[in-house]
Protein backbone atom coordinates (compact mmCIF):
# COMPACT_ATOMS: atom_id res chain seq x y z
CA MET A 1 -3.02 9.18 22.21
CA ALA A 2 -1.17 12.40 21.45
CA ALA A 3 -0.19 12.64 25.10
CA LEU A 4 1.12 9.09 24.90
CA GLY A 5 3.37 10.02 22.00
CA ILE A 6 4.78 13.02 23.87
CA ALA A 7 5.32 10.98 27.01
CA MET A 8 7.39 8.49 25.04
CA GLY A 9 9.72 11.26 23.96
CA GLY A 10 9.37 10.35 20.31
CA GLY A 11 9.20 14.01 19.21
CA ASN A 12 6.33 16.12 17.95
CA TRP A 13 6.25 14.35 14.60
CA PHE A 14 5.55 10.98 16.22
CA SER A 15 2.79 12.52 18.34
CA ALA A 16 1.28 14.06 15.22
CA LEU A 17 1.31 10.71 13.39
CA VAL A 18 -0.37 9.02 16.36
CA LEU A 19 -2.97 11.76 16.73
CA GLY A 20 -3.73 11.76 13.00
CA VAL A 21 -4.28 8.01 12.72
CA THR A 22 -6.36 8.01 15.93
CA LEU A 23 -8.66 10.66 14.49
CA LEU A 24 -8.98 8.60 11.31
CA LYS A 25 -9.94 5.55 13.38
CA CYS A 26 -12.65 7.61 15.08
CA LEU A 27 -14.00 8.68 11.69
CA LEU A 28 -14.30 5.01 10.72
CA ILE A 29 -16.55 4.15 13.69
CA PRO A 30 -19.86 4.34 11.72
CA THR A 31 -18.60 2.18 8.85
CA TYR A 32 -19.57 -1.40 8.03
CA HIS A 33 -18.56 -4.12 10.46
CA SER A 34 -18.34 -7.83 9.76
CA THR A 35 -19.61 -10.85 11.69
CA ASP A 36 -16.42 -10.58 13.76
CA PHE A 37 -18.19 -7.75 15.59
CA GLU A 38 -20.81 -10.25 16.78
CA VAL A 39 -18.09 -12.81 17.48
CA HIS A 40 -16.42 -10.53 20.01
CA ARG A 41 -19.71 -9.33 21.49
CA ASN A 42 -20.63 -12.97 22.07
CA TRP A 43 -17.27 -13.62 23.74
CA LEU A 44 -17.90 -10.65 26.02
CA ALA A 45 -21.21 -12.24 26.99
CA ILE A 46 -19.76 -15.72 27.49
CA THR A 47 -16.90 -14.66 29.73
CA HIS A 48 -19.03 -12.22 31.72
CA SER A 49 -22.14 -14.28 32.37
CA LEU A 50 -20.84 -17.85 32.54
CA PRO A 51 -18.37 -19.60 34.87
CA ILE A 52 -14.96 -20.44 33.46
CA SER A 53 -15.91 -24.13 33.27
CA GLN A 54 -18.42 -23.30 30.52
CA TRP A 55 -16.39 -20.87 28.42
CA TYR A 56 -15.14 -23.44 25.93
CA TYR A 57 -18.38 -25.46 25.90
CA GLU A 58 -20.93 -22.68 25.34
CA ALA A 59 -22.48 -22.99 21.87
CA THR A 60 -25.68 -20.92 21.87
CA SER A 61 -24.15 -18.87 19.08
CA GLU A 62 -22.28 -20.36 16.14
CA TRP A 63 -19.43 -17.97 17.05
CA THR A 64 -17.98 -20.06 19.85
CA LEU A 65 -14.91 -19.06 21.85
CA ASP A 66 -11.90 -20.35 19.89
CA TYR A 67 -9.01 -18.16 21.06
CA PRO A 68 -6.54 -19.10 23.84
CA PRO A 69 -7.34 -18.37 27.51
CA PHE A 70 -5.49 -15.06 27.79
CA PHE A 71 -7.76 -13.60 25.12
CA ALA A 72 -10.78 -14.99 26.98
CA TRP A 73 -9.59 -13.17 30.12
CA PHE A 74 -9.06 -10.05 27.99
CA GLU A 75 -12.71 -10.25 26.93
CA TYR A 76 -13.67 -10.84 30.57
CA ALA A 77 -11.87 -7.64 31.60
CA LEU A 78 -13.51 -5.68 28.78
CA SER A 79 -16.93 -6.99 29.79
CA HIS A 80 -16.66 -5.27 33.17
CA VAL A 81 -16.28 -1.98 31.36
CA ALA A 82 -18.93 -2.89 28.78
CA LYS A 83 -21.62 -3.32 31.45
CA HIS A 84 -21.49 0.42 32.10
CA PHE A 85 -22.36 1.06 28.43
CA ASP A 86 -25.10 -1.47 27.71
CA GLN A 87 -25.80 -4.44 29.95
CA GLU A 88 -27.78 -6.17 27.21
CA MET A 89 -24.70 -6.81 25.09
CA LEU A 90 -23.56 -9.22 27.83
CA ASN A 91 -26.56 -11.52 27.45
CA VAL A 92 -25.51 -14.77 25.75
CA HIS A 93 -28.96 -15.15 24.19
CA ASN A 94 -28.97 -11.69 22.60
CA LEU A 95 -27.62 -12.92 19.27
CA ASN A 96 -26.58 -10.28 16.73
CA TYR A 97 -27.13 -7.53 19.29
CA ALA A 98 -25.63 -4.27 18.02
CA SER A 99 -27.03 -1.22 19.80
CA SER A 100 -25.41 2.17 19.25
CA LYS A 101 -23.77 1.98 22.69
CA THR A 102 -22.46 -1.49 21.94
CA LEU A 103 -21.02 -0.22 18.67
CA LEU A 104 -19.30 2.71 20.37
CA PHE A 105 -17.88 0.56 23.14
CA GLN A 106 -16.44 -2.10 20.88
CA ARG A 107 -15.02 0.39 18.40
CA PHE A 108 -13.40 2.48 21.12
CA SER A 109 -12.06 -0.62 22.87
CA VAL A 110 -10.06 -1.42 19.73
CA ILE A 111 -8.80 2.17 19.48
CA PHE A 112 -7.86 2.28 23.17
CA THR A 113 -5.97 -1.02 23.16
CA ASP A 114 -3.99 0.19 20.13
CA ALA A 115 -1.95 2.19 22.67
CA LEU A 116 0.24 -0.91 23.05
CA PHE A 117 0.82 -0.98 19.28
CA VAL A 118 1.83 2.71 19.35
CA TYR A 119 4.35 2.05 22.13
CA ALA A 120 5.73 -0.98 20.27
CA VAL A 121 6.21 1.06 17.09
CA HIS A 122 8.11 3.67 19.10
CA GLU A 123 10.38 0.97 20.55
CA CYS A 124 10.98 -0.57 17.12
CA CYS A 125 12.02 2.81 15.76
CA LYS A 126 14.78 2.92 18.39
CA CYS A 127 16.26 -0.19 16.78
CA ILE A 128 16.53 1.32 13.31
CA ASP A 129 19.92 2.31 11.93
CA GLY A 130 19.85 6.00 11.06
CA LYS A 131 22.88 5.99 8.72
CA LYS A 132 20.67 6.57 5.67
CA ALA A 133 18.88 9.50 7.33
CA GLY A 134 18.40 12.43 4.99
CA LYS A 135 18.33 16.09 5.89
CA GLU A 136 14.56 16.26 5.70
CA LEU A 137 12.44 14.67 8.42
CA THR A 138 10.34 12.79 5.87
CA GLU A 139 13.48 11.10 4.51
CA LYS A 140 14.55 9.66 7.85
CA PRO A 141 14.12 5.85 8.20
CA LYS A 142 12.48 6.23 11.61
CA PHE A 143 9.83 8.57 10.23
CA ILE A 144 9.15 6.33 7.24
CA LEU A 145 8.90 3.23 9.45
CA SER A 146 6.53 5.00 11.83
CA VAL A 147 4.18 5.85 8.97
CA LEU A 148 4.38 2.36 7.46
CA LEU A 149 3.39 0.80 10.79
CA LEU A 150 1.03 3.33 12.39
CA TRP A 151 -0.84 4.02 9.16
CA ASN A 152 -0.71 0.49 7.78
CA PHE A 153 -3.68 0.17 5.43
CA GLY A 154 -4.33 -3.50 6.11
CA LEU A 155 -4.39 -3.11 9.86
CA LEU A 156 -6.66 -0.07 9.62
CA ILE A 157 -9.37 -1.75 7.56
CA VAL A 158 -9.19 -5.13 9.32
CA ASP A 159 -9.43 -3.67 12.84
CA HIS A 160 -11.34 -0.44 12.43
CA ILE A 161 -13.78 -1.29 9.64
CA HIS A 162 -14.04 -5.07 9.38
CA PHE A 163 -13.48 -5.29 13.18
CA GLN A 164 -10.89 -7.26 15.10
CA TYR A 165 -8.35 -6.71 17.88
CA ASN A 166 -5.13 -7.24 15.91
CA GLY A 167 -3.55 -3.92 16.92
CA PHE A 168 -2.58 -4.75 20.47
CA LEU A 169 -1.64 -8.31 19.46
CA PHE A 170 0.76 -7.04 16.81
CA GLY A 171 1.90 -4.57 19.44
CA LEU A 172 2.94 -7.48 21.63
CA MET A 173 4.76 -9.10 18.70
CA LEU A 174 6.58 -5.92 17.65
CA LEU A 175 7.50 -5.17 21.26
CA SER A 176 8.94 -8.68 21.67
CA ILE A 177 10.93 -8.16 18.46
CA ALA A 178 12.20 -4.81 19.74
CA ARG A 179 13.30 -6.36 23.03
CA LEU A 180 15.23 -9.09 21.21
CA LEU A 181 16.92 -6.53 18.97
CA GLN A 182 17.81 -4.57 22.12
CA LYS A 183 19.42 -7.77 23.54
CA ARG A 184 16.76 -7.96 26.26
CA HIS A 185 16.19 -11.62 25.45
CA MET A 186 14.25 -12.66 28.54
CA GLU A 187 11.74 -9.86 28.09
CA GLY A 188 11.34 -10.70 24.43
CA ALA A 189 10.79 -14.37 25.21
CA PHE A 190 8.25 -13.53 27.91
CA LEU A 191 6.27 -11.20 25.64
CA PHE A 192 6.15 -13.76 22.85
CA ALA A 193 5.04 -16.52 25.25
CA VAL A 194 2.22 -14.25 26.45
CA LEU A 195 1.31 -13.47 22.84
CA LEU A 196 0.94 -17.16 21.98
CA HIS A 197 -1.66 -17.49 24.74
CA PHE A 198 -3.58 -14.53 23.35
CA LYS A 199 -3.75 -15.79 19.76
CA HIS A 200 -2.25 -19.06 18.61
CA ILE A 201 -1.75 -18.00 14.97
CA TYR A 202 1.60 -16.64 16.16
CA LEU A 203 2.79 -20.23 16.47
CA TYR A 204 3.68 -19.75 12.80
CA VAL A 205 6.71 -17.67 13.78
CA ALA A 206 7.68 -19.63 16.92
CA PRO A 207 10.49 -21.52 15.09
CA ALA A 208 12.23 -18.22 14.33
CA TYR A 209 12.01 -17.11 17.97
CA GLY A 210 13.19 -20.47 19.29
CA THR A 211 16.13 -20.69 16.92
CA TYR A 212 17.23 -17.09 17.46
CA LEU A 213 17.05 -17.37 21.25
CA LEU A 214 18.95 -20.65 21.18
CA ARG A 215 21.66 -19.20 18.94
CA SER A 216 21.97 -15.69 20.34
CA TYR A 217 21.15 -16.18 24.02
CA CYS A 218 21.89 -19.78 25.00
CA PHE A 219 25.20 -19.75 23.09
CA THR A 220 27.22 -16.99 24.69
CA ALA A 221 30.24 -16.71 22.38
CA ASN A 222 31.16 -16.82 18.68
CA LYS A 223 34.30 -17.73 16.81
CA PRO A 224 36.12 -14.95 14.90
CA ASP A 225 34.34 -15.97 11.67
CA GLY A 226 30.94 -15.55 13.33
CA SER A 227 30.14 -19.24 13.70
CA VAL A 228 28.99 -20.66 17.01
CA ARG A 229 31.44 -21.64 19.73
CA TRP A 230 29.83 -24.90 20.82
CA ASN A 231 31.42 -25.04 24.27
CA SER A 232 29.80 -21.71 25.16
CA PHE A 233 26.31 -23.23 25.52
CA SER A 234 24.61 -22.19 28.78
CA PHE A 235 22.16 -24.68 30.27
CA VAL A 236 21.20 -22.10 32.87
CA ARG A 237 19.96 -19.76 30.14
CA LEU A 238 18.11 -22.58 28.40
CA ILE A 239 16.39 -23.55 31.65
CA SER A 240 15.47 -19.91 32.33
CA LEU A 241 13.81 -19.65 28.89
CA GLY A 242 12.00 -22.92 29.47
CA LEU A 243 10.83 -21.69 32.86
CA ILE A 244 9.30 -18.58 31.26
CA VAL A 245 7.38 -20.67 28.75
CA PHE A 246 6.25 -23.09 31.46
CA LEU A 247 5.05 -20.41 33.87
CA VAL A 248 3.14 -18.47 31.21
CA SER A 249 1.56 -21.68 29.91
CA ALA A 250 0.68 -22.79 33.44
CA LEU A 251 -1.01 -19.47 34.16
CA SER A 252 -2.98 -19.68 30.91
CA LEU A 253 -3.90 -23.36 30.76
CA GLY A 254 -3.65 -24.32 34.43
CA PRO A 255 -7.30 -23.63 35.33
CA PHE A 256 -8.51 -25.74 32.41
CA LEU A 257 -6.06 -28.50 33.30
CA ALA A 258 -7.53 -28.51 36.81
CA LEU A 259 -11.02 -28.74 35.30
CA ASN A 260 -9.86 -31.57 33.01
CA GLN A 261 -10.90 -29.47 29.98
CA LEU A 262 -7.65 -29.20 28.01
CA PRO A 263 -8.89 -31.54 25.22
CA GLN A 264 -11.98 -29.34 24.81
CA VAL A 265 -9.89 -26.16 24.73
CA PHE A 266 -7.54 -27.60 22.11
CA SER A 267 -10.45 -28.85 19.99
CA ARG A 268 -11.67 -25.25 19.83
CA LEU A 269 -8.22 -23.81 19.11
CA PHE A 270 -7.39 -26.31 16.36
CA PRO A 271 -10.60 -27.17 14.47
CA PHE A 272 -9.09 -29.43 11.80
CA LYS A 273 -12.57 -30.43 10.67
CA ARG A 274 -12.63 -27.19 8.71
CA GLY A 275 -11.57 -27.44 5.10
CA LEU A 276 -8.14 -26.81 3.64
CA CYS A 277 -9.23 -23.46 2.23
CA HIS A 278 -11.37 -20.67 3.63
CA ALA A 279 -14.59 -19.70 1.82
CA TYR A 280 -12.66 -16.84 0.22
CA TRP A 281 -9.40 -18.43 -0.84
CA ALA A 282 -6.45 -16.76 0.80
CA PRO A 283 -4.03 -15.70 -1.95
CA ASN A 284 -1.53 -18.49 -1.43
CA PHE A 285 -0.27 -21.72 -2.97
CA TRP A 286 -3.63 -23.44 -2.45
CA ALA A 287 -5.44 -20.73 -4.39
CA LEU A 288 -3.16 -21.38 -7.35
CA TYR A 289 -3.56 -25.12 -6.88
CA ASN A 290 -7.35 -24.86 -6.72
CA ALA A 291 -7.46 -22.67 -9.81
CA LEU A 292 -5.29 -25.09 -11.77
CA ASP A 293 -7.30 -28.02 -10.43
CA LYS A 294 -10.52 -26.38 -11.57
CA VAL A 295 -9.15 -25.73 -15.05
CA LEU A 296 -7.87 -29.31 -15.39
CA SER A 297 -11.15 -30.73 -14.11
CA VAL A 298 -13.04 -28.83 -16.81
CA ILE A 299 -10.60 -30.02 -19.46
CA GLY A 300 -10.81 -33.54 -18.09
CA ARG A 301 -14.59 -33.47 -18.13
CA ASN A 302 -14.51 -32.56 -21.78
CA ASP A 303 -11.55 -34.60 -22.95
CA LYS A 304 -11.44 -37.32 -20.26
CA TRP A 305 -7.74 -36.70 -19.76
CA PHE A 306 -7.54 -35.35 -16.24
CA GLY A 307 -9.29 -35.79 -12.92
CA SER A 308 -9.64 -33.42 -10.01
CA ALA A 309 -7.48 -34.32 -7.06
CA VAL A 310 -7.62 -33.09 -3.49
CA PRO A 311 -4.15 -32.50 -2.06
CA THR A 312 -2.85 -34.39 0.91
CA HIS A 313 -1.75 -31.72 3.34
CA SER A 314 -0.11 -32.02 6.69
CA PRO A 315 1.87 -29.75 9.03
CA SER A 316 5.06 -31.53 8.02
CA LEU A 317 4.67 -30.29 4.45
CA ARG A 318 4.32 -26.74 5.65
CA ASP A 319 7.27 -27.11 7.99
CA SER A 320 9.57 -28.57 5.35
CA LEU A 321 8.75 -25.78 2.92
CA GLY A 322 8.25 -23.03 5.44
CA HIS A 323 11.19 -23.04 7.78
CA PRO A 324 14.36 -23.54 5.72
CA HIS A 325 17.85 -23.16 7.11
CA LEU A 326 16.63 -21.31 10.19
CA HIS A 327 19.65 -22.22 12.25
CA SER A 328 22.10 -21.10 9.61
CA ASP A 329 20.46 -17.73 9.05
CA CYS A 330 19.35 -16.68 12.54
CA HIS A 331 22.95 -16.13 13.66
CA LEU A 332 23.20 -13.19 11.26
CA GLY A 333 21.94 -10.81 13.95
CA SER A 334 18.81 -8.71 13.94
CA ARG A 335 18.28 -8.69 10.19
CA GLY A 336 18.73 -12.45 10.00
CA PHE A 337 16.21 -12.98 12.80
CA LEU A 338 13.67 -10.69 11.16
CA ARG A 339 14.03 -12.38 7.79
CA CYS A 340 13.60 -15.80 9.38
CA LEU A 341 10.51 -14.60 11.23
CA ILE A 342 8.98 -13.18 8.07
CA LEU A 343 9.84 -16.29 6.11
CA CYS A 344 8.13 -18.45 8.73
CA ALA A 345 5.03 -16.22 8.65
CA LEU A 346 4.91 -16.05 4.88
CA SER A 347 5.59 -19.75 4.35
CA SER A 348 2.86 -20.69 6.80
CA PHE A 349 0.53 -18.32 4.98
CA MET A 350 1.49 -19.94 1.68
CA PHE A 351 1.02 -23.56 2.74
CA GLY A 352 -1.02 -23.49 5.95
CA TRP A 353 -4.34 -25.16 6.72
CA HIS A 354 -7.52 -23.05 6.43
CA VAL A 355 -5.58 -19.80 6.15
CA HIS A 356 -7.50 -16.51 6.31
CA GLU A 357 -6.53 -13.68 3.99
CA LYS A 358 -5.96 -11.40 7.02
CA ALA A 359 -2.99 -13.55 8.09
CA ILE A 360 -0.85 -11.78 5.47
CA LEU A 361 -0.41 -8.98 8.02
CA LEU A 362 1.73 -11.36 10.07
CA ALA A 363 4.39 -11.01 7.37
CA VAL A 364 3.67 -7.46 6.19
CA LEU A 365 4.14 -5.65 9.52
CA PRO A 366 7.55 -7.09 10.50
CA MET A 367 8.67 -6.72 6.88
CA SER A 368 8.20 -2.98 7.39
CA LEU A 369 11.22 -3.01 9.71
CA LEU A 370 13.43 -4.50 7.01
CA SER A 371 12.12 -2.22 4.27
CA VAL A 372 13.97 0.85 5.57
CA GLY A 373 17.30 -1.00 5.82
CA LYS A 374 18.14 -2.37 2.36
CA ALA A 375 16.83 -1.69 -1.13
CA GLY A 376 16.33 -5.40 -1.84
CA ASP A 377 14.14 -5.79 1.25
CA ALA A 378 12.25 -2.62 0.33
CA SER A 379 11.42 -4.12 -3.07
CA ILE A 380 10.08 -7.31 -1.52
CA PHE A 381 8.12 -5.29 1.04
CA LEU A 382 6.42 -3.16 -1.61
CA ILE A 383 5.39 -6.14 -3.74
CA LEU A 384 4.18 -8.11 -0.71
CA THR A 385 2.37 -5.19 0.90
CA THR A 386 0.66 -3.86 -2.22
CA THR A 387 -0.52 -7.32 -3.27
CA GLY A 388 -1.39 -8.45 0.25
CA HIS A 389 -3.34 -5.30 1.00
CA TYR A 390 -5.31 -5.51 -2.22
CA SER A 391 -6.23 -9.10 -1.38
CA LEU A 392 -8.10 -7.71 1.66
CA PHE A 393 -10.49 -5.70 -0.54
CA PRO A 394 -13.20 -8.41 -0.62
CA LEU A 395 -13.53 -8.08 3.17
CA LEU A 396 -15.22 -4.73 2.54
CA PHE A 397 -17.89 -5.50 -0.02
CA THR A 398 -20.45 -2.80 0.82
CA ALA A 399 -20.86 0.21 -1.48
CA PRO A 400 -20.20 3.00 1.08
CA GLU A 401 -16.79 1.52 1.93
CA LEU A 402 -15.67 1.26 -1.72
CA PRO A 403 -14.26 4.81 -2.02
CA ILE A 404 -12.78 4.56 1.49
CA LYS A 405 -10.76 1.42 0.82
CA ILE A 406 -9.61 2.61 -2.62
CA LEU A 407 -8.53 6.03 -1.31
CA LEU A 408 -6.78 4.70 1.79
CA MET A 409 -4.90 2.04 -0.15
CA LEU A 410 -3.85 4.48 -2.85
CA LEU A 411 -2.54 6.94 -0.26
CA PHE A 412 -0.64 4.26 1.65
CA THR A 413 0.76 2.62 -1.48
CA ILE A 414 1.84 5.89 -3.09
CA TYR A 415 3.54 6.99 0.13
CA SER A 416 5.26 3.62 0.61
CA ILE A 417 6.69 3.56 -2.91
CA SER A 418 7.68 7.23 -3.03
CA SER A 419 9.28 7.32 0.43
CA LEU A 420 11.29 4.13 -0.08
CA LYS A 421 12.36 5.22 -3.56
CA THR A 422 13.62 8.47 -2.04
CA LEU A 423 15.40 6.62 0.76
CA PHE A 424 17.22 4.37 -1.75
CA ARG A 425 17.49 6.85 -4.61
CA LYS A 426 21.24 6.25 -4.95
CA GLU A 427 20.71 2.53 -5.58
CA LYS A 428 19.15 0.58 -8.44
CA PRO A 429 15.38 0.91 -9.07
CA LEU A 430 13.18 -0.97 -6.61
CA PHE A 431 11.13 -2.61 -9.40
CA ASN A 432 12.03 -4.17 -12.71
CA TRP A 433 9.68 -3.86 -15.69
CA MET A 434 7.91 -7.15 -14.93
CA GLU A 435 7.17 -6.21 -11.31
CA THR A 436 5.96 -2.79 -12.37
CA PHE A 437 3.65 -4.30 -14.99
CA TYR A 438 2.24 -6.76 -12.45
CA LEU A 439 1.53 -4.12 -9.79
CA LEU A 440 -0.10 -1.81 -12.33
CA GLY A 441 -2.34 -4.74 -13.30
CA LEU A 442 -4.14 -4.38 -9.94
CA GLY A 443 -5.83 -1.26 -11.35
CA PRO A 444 -7.62 -2.95 -14.26
CA LEU A 445 -8.47 -5.88 -11.99
CA GLU A 446 -10.22 -3.55 -9.53
CA VAL A 447 -12.06 -1.76 -12.32
CA PHE A 448 -13.35 -5.06 -13.69
CA CYS A 449 -14.35 -6.52 -10.31
CA GLU A 450 -16.07 -3.42 -8.92
CA PHE A 451 -17.32 -1.48 -11.94
CA VAL A 452 -17.65 -3.85 -14.89
CA PHE A 453 -18.58 -7.31 -13.62
CA PRO A 454 -21.65 -6.19 -11.59
CA PHE A 455 -23.27 -5.02 -14.83
CA THR A 456 -22.64 -8.20 -16.80
CA SER A 457 -24.93 -11.20 -17.21
CA TRP A 458 -22.34 -13.33 -15.41
CA LYS A 459 -23.19 -11.76 -12.05
CA LEU A 460 -26.03 -14.19 -11.35
CA THR A 461 -24.51 -17.42 -12.64
CA TYR A 462 -20.80 -16.80 -11.91
CA SER A 463 -20.87 -14.56 -8.86
CA PHE A 464 -17.61 -16.06 -7.58
CA ILE A 465 -15.51 -14.67 -10.44
CA PRO A 466 -14.35 -11.41 -8.72
CA LEU A 467 -13.19 -13.33 -5.65
CA PHE A 468 -11.57 -15.96 -7.83
CA LEU A 469 -9.65 -13.42 -9.90
CA THR A 470 -8.58 -11.39 -6.86
CA SER A 471 -7.35 -14.45 -4.99
CA VAL A 472 -5.45 -15.96 -7.90
CA TYR A 473 -3.92 -12.68 -9.13
CA CYS A 474 -2.76 -11.72 -5.63
CA ALA A 475 -1.47 -15.26 -5.03
CA VAL A 476 0.92 -14.77 -7.94
CA GLY A 477 2.39 -11.62 -6.38
CA ILE A 478 2.63 -13.02 -2.86
CA THR A 479 4.21 -16.23 -4.15
CA TYR A 480 6.73 -14.15 -6.09
CA ALA A 481 7.57 -12.08 -2.98
CA TRP A 482 7.91 -15.26 -0.91
CA PHE A 483 10.24 -16.82 -3.48
CA LYS A 484 12.31 -13.64 -3.76
CA LEU A 485 12.70 -13.48 0.04
CA TYR A 486 13.50 -17.20 0.17
CA VAL A 487 16.30 -16.77 -2.40
CA SER A 488 17.75 -13.75 -0.60
CA VAL A 489 17.87 -15.66 2.70
CA LEU A 490 19.73 -18.54 1.05
CA THR A 491 22.13 -16.47 -1.03
CA ASP A 492 23.11 -13.49 1.11
CA PRO A 493 26.67 -13.90 2.48
CA PRO A 494 27.02 -14.54 6.22
CA VAL A 495 27.85 -11.51 8.34
CA GLY A 496 30.88 -13.26 9.72
CA LYS A 497 32.49 -13.26 6.27
CA THR A 498 32.05 -9.54 5.81
CA LYS A 499 32.65 -8.19 9.26
CA LYS A 500 32.98 -9.47 12.78
CA GLN A 501 29.88 -9.32 14.91
């Protein structure tokens, strides 16, 4: 990894950051891993030992293949390396198989594929304006951004403790963002199309990509005030973008179309039979709704005033709330595109169906790019990141990981706040008194959930209380960050009125 950093020409400091975080990932290899470890082992077995016609039908394990075809082929490729470690991990009937060699292979496969994430971070740093760069290396926006991305607490614990392959997927997303910011639109569109066929959760941000590409690539000229020149629309460019999407989709879904299995594939990718909320409520609007609903149902049971109601939820509700004024904001250049992308991700997290708490990273990581540009964005980033990262704590519920998650989050949070405060020291404070009070409240919440509640009599009868409090408290902060970002998108003056593009 260190050699990779040097080869990219990012300087010794970038190599040191990459080497340091890679060593940390190696130290985390023996830690707890979740059922996602078995999920991916089972997918290795399915893709290695069964023909493609059975991949999306196999159901020996409850952890059936439910990612798009490119990820299935990714598992297939990994399986041909895995067989040299332990052939038994590739047996579909070896449920919950976790030999030491299997553990090492799967852990190192995540670390190795993070090379794409490292490269993407390097490319994103090239897109950062260095006007605010201080004299010291640690005060330079590129250095701060590199730390915020490479050492992101949420990504570290989700991938390298809990266990998933988000690193290289976010690498694809960040690299596509970098290519768009570098005006390499076709490359950016291609990378995002490929990403969608690796993991379909990225559909959340597709409206931002589509709108930005339409506005900045298909329309080739602007008026002096920055508005679109309608007669500059290029059908050739539109067709070229459509051709990219078609060819990538054909490569991914074509074999299953030939097998007449597309309905089966889509039933696995979009299992709407699952409930509105995950077992652990993601800290979003539905967590607040459920909490209020529970309170009112108790009051109603006692006073016969209220009844519990299940919300009617559909994609159209999410879309109407989640993707506001995309066309009007995405013409503001790179910052406008990034804010639209984050707003799409965050709005889908807030109102989506069966959202997992880990999906908050879809907003946190791209928000890192904005955080080193403006003080207002830095404030939103810090509130969103601190709250979103803390909401991931319940993923690591075993005692040995308690000091690890607390220490890593404290280090990341302290660095994030101190570095961004230094970067914007000539501007107004990043937090007002209310925001400061709220963020400090995470400390007492953690003390109660981890050190007080386990010793109370409530532990047996109300075991859900720590999860309930964590979800609801974090939902308040994330909702506040979402609203603050929403307002800034709607109220910031267009670039065209301040300077010509």
